[in-house]
Amino acid sequence: MPFFTEVEPVVCPYCGEQIEIIVDGSIEQQSYTEDCSVCCRPMEVTVTVIGDAVAVSVRREDD
């Protein structure tokens, strides 16, 4: 799979603000923790890549 990055909009599960995160599309399935750029709380990010489609979901780290 070729390397590509995507800027994806997500809504922070803590503060409700829409933010953009950069995801690495070279890995088909990944989960990692990233801090919200607005409230700085840790979100668990899950990225799934199928072909050229990227699905991103975020949830509270304490869920």
C-alpha atoms as a PDB file:
ATOM      1  CA  MET A   1       0.000   0.000   0.000  1.00  0.00           C
ATOM      2  CA  PRO A   2       1.434   3.412  -0.895  1.00  0.00           C
ATOM      3  CA  PHE A   3       2.116   5.977   1.817  1.00  0.00           C
ATOM      4  CA  PHE A   4      -0.290   8.885   2.068  1.00  0.00           C
ATOM      5  CA  THR A   5      -1.474  11.246   4.750  1.00  0.00           C
ATOM      6  CA  GLU A   6      -4.940  12.671   5.112  1.00  0.00           C
ATOM      7  CA  VAL A   7      -6.251  15.615   7.084  1.00  0.00           C
ATOM      8  CA  GLU A   8      -9.482  14.424   8.642  1.00  0.00           C
ATOM      9  CA  PRO A   9     -12.051  16.465  10.596  1.00  0.00           C
ATOM     10  CA  VAL A  10     -13.192  14.952  13.902  1.00  0.00           C
ATOM     11  CA  VAL A  11     -15.230  16.204  16.847  1.00  0.00           C
ATOM     12  CA  CYS A  12     -13.510  16.062  20.223  1.00  0.00           C
ATOM     13  CA  PRO A  13     -15.474  13.767  22.555  1.00  0.00           C
ATOM     14  CA  TYR A  14     -14.623  16.034  25.512  1.00  0.00           C
ATOM     15  CA  CYS A  15     -15.113  19.646  24.405  1.00  0.00           C
ATOM     16  CA  GLY A  16     -17.236  19.090  21.276  1.00  0.00           C
ATOM     17  CA  GLU A  17     -15.027  21.243  19.043  1.00  0.00           C
ATOM     18  CA  GLN A  18     -14.363  20.157  15.472  1.00  0.00           C
ATOM     19  CA  ILE A  19     -10.630  19.749  14.913  1.00  0.00           C
ATOM     20  CA  GLU A  20      -8.461  18.355  12.142  1.00  0.00           C
ATOM     21  CA  ILE A  21      -6.010  15.529  12.655  1.00  0.00           C
ATOM     22  CA  ILE A  22      -3.417  14.151  10.264  1.00  0.00           C
ATOM     23  CA  VAL A  23      -3.611  10.395   9.755  1.00  0.00           C
ATOM     24  CA  ASP A  24      -1.102   8.016   8.173  1.00  0.00           C
ATOM     25  CA  GLY A  25      -2.836   6.085   5.420  1.00  0.00           C
ATOM     26  CA  SER A  26      -0.027   3.571   4.935  1.00  0.00           C
ATOM     27  CA  ILE A  27      -1.315   1.405   7.813  1.00  0.00           C
ATOM     28  CA  GLU A  28      -4.658  -0.311   7.217  1.00  0.00           C
ATOM     29  CA  GLN A  29      -5.781  -0.449  10.867  1.00  0.00           C
ATOM     30  CA  GLN A  30      -4.376   1.577  13.750  1.00  0.00           C
ATOM     31  CA  SER A  31      -5.314   2.995  17.135  1.00  0.00           C
ATOM     32  CA  TYR A  32      -3.399   5.611  19.059  1.00  0.00           C
ATOM     33  CA  THR A  33      -3.839   8.428  21.556  1.00  0.00           C
ATOM     34  CA  GLU A  34      -3.758  12.060  20.455  1.00  0.00           C
ATOM     35  CA  ASP A  35      -4.483  15.169  22.494  1.00  0.00           C
ATOM     36  CA  CYS A  36      -7.242  17.513  21.373  1.00  0.00           C
ATOM     37  CA  SER A  37      -5.699  20.705  19.993  1.00  0.00           C
ATOM     38  CA  VAL A  38      -8.392  22.775  21.767  1.00  0.00           C
ATOM     39  CA  CYS A  39      -8.798  21.277  25.262  1.00  0.00           C
ATOM     40  CA  CYS A  40      -5.644  19.094  25.364  1.00  0.00           C
ATOM     41  CA  ARG A  41      -7.493  16.019  26.626  1.00  0.00           C
ATOM     42  CA  PRO A  42      -6.412  12.598  25.302  1.00  0.00           C
ATOM     43  CA  MET A  43      -8.616  11.038  22.623  1.00  0.00           C
ATOM     44  CA  GLU A  44      -8.315   7.475  21.390  1.00  0.00           C
ATOM     45  CA  VAL A  45      -8.134   7.658  17.595  1.00  0.00           C
ATOM     46  CA  THR A  46      -8.994   4.653  15.409  1.00  0.00           C
ATOM     47  CA  VAL A  47      -8.114   4.756  11.716  1.00  0.00           C
ATOM     48  CA  THR A  48      -9.222   2.197   9.126  1.00  0.00           C
ATOM     49  CA  VAL A  49      -8.023   2.391   5.524  1.00  0.00           C
ATOM     50  CA  ILE A  50      -9.735   0.448   2.731  1.00  0.00           C
ATOM     51  CA  GLY A  51      -8.308   1.295  -0.680  1.00  0.00           C
ATOM     52  CA  ASP A  52      -8.420   5.083  -0.954  1.00  0.00           C
ATOM     53  CA  ALA A  53     -11.106   5.472   1.733  1.00  0.00           C
ATOM     54  CA  VAL A  54     -10.135   6.518   5.249  1.00  0.00           C
ATOM     55  CA  ALA A  55     -12.474   6.121   8.228  1.00  0.00           C
ATOM     56  CA  VAL A  56     -11.520   7.910  11.443  1.00  0.00           C
ATOM     57  CA  SER A  57     -13.281   7.706  14.785  1.00  0.00           C
ATOM     58  CA  VAL A  58     -12.400   9.220  18.149  1.00  0.00           C
ATOM     59  CA  ARG A  59     -13.561   8.435  21.650  1.00  0.00           C
ATOM     60  CA  ARG A  60     -12.753   9.442  25.176  1.00  0.00           C
ATOM     61  CA  GLU A  61      -9.707   7.711  26.540  1.00  0.00           C
ATOM     62  CA  ASP A  62     -11.550   7.017  29.806  1.00  0.00           C
ATOM     63  CA  ASP A  63     -14.503   5.231  28.114  1.00  0.00           C
END
